[in-house]
Amino acid sequence: MRKTLIAALLAALIPIAARPVRAETVDLQLILAADVSRSVDEDEFHLQREGYAAALTNPKVLDAIQSGPHHAIAVSFIEWSGSDAQRVVANWAIIRDEETGGVMANTLRTAPRSFAGFTSISAAIDFAMRHFAESGVSSERRIIDISGDGTNNGGRPVTDARDDAVAAGVTINGLAIVNLHPNPGFTAHTQPPGGIGTYYRENVAGGPGNFVIEIQDFSTFAEAIVNKLVAEIAAADRAQMTAKAAFAPLCCRAWPPDPG
């Protein structure tokens, strides 16, 4: 009788143990991928880091997060440089409010700079694509947010990496920074024909609702990243409208500009 009872209890427990754990659903999985190549000097690096950190607790960004059906997004922050230089500075975290955003912001403010080498946007995209598998959550939208001030000069063609990401259902948005004071020898890299905004529009951004924001220098980064994150977090049918409306100031502008 006792053996029969034990067997029955074990049989009842097996389906429970075998039941898969359902991943938490969020409104967006967002990878913030920041350029820390040699063309980004130390002052520019700190402006960029502080801009991202401040944005994670900005009321406009938090309001955008709260407006989604799940009231949460998953965010990870990586820094990248050459083809073999990518590092997760702040791993996946679910951001819901000022407290959860503040934890990641503190990590960004205290972590050391990762690299200062070549510029492989393609390797950054490929690294980010692999990193999505580690998020531990599910969402309808996945976005890679690439910020940088120069063209791809390492790794495979950036358009190949972009196209592979888009084919996998990921949107890539760009924050193209016009470096007005490039280090000697980097002018062609940071100021390509047509401008860095055009380069990002034609070679980096892709996927549903993608956009590129061009800003005039690193000093306006903080304002630009807040508005850009609001656009990315917003519901899909509002993303393009928000991106275009948010960049009237002289600091930055949506790219491409509206016709007419």
Foldseek 3Di string as FASTA:
>chain_A
DVVVVVVVVVVVCVVVVPDDDAFAEAAEEEEEEEEQAQQQDPVLLLLQLLLQLVLLADPLLLVLLCPDPSQKYWYWYWYAFALPFIDTQGAIDIRRHNVRSNVVSVSSNPDDDGDHHHHALLSSLVVVVVRVVVNRHDHPAYEYEYEDQFDHDHDDFQQVSQVVCQVVVYWYEYEYEQAPDTDPPCCCGRQPVPGRLVVCVVRPTDHQPYWYKYFHHSNCSNLLVNQQSSLVSHDSVCNNVSQQVSPPDNGIHIPPHDDD
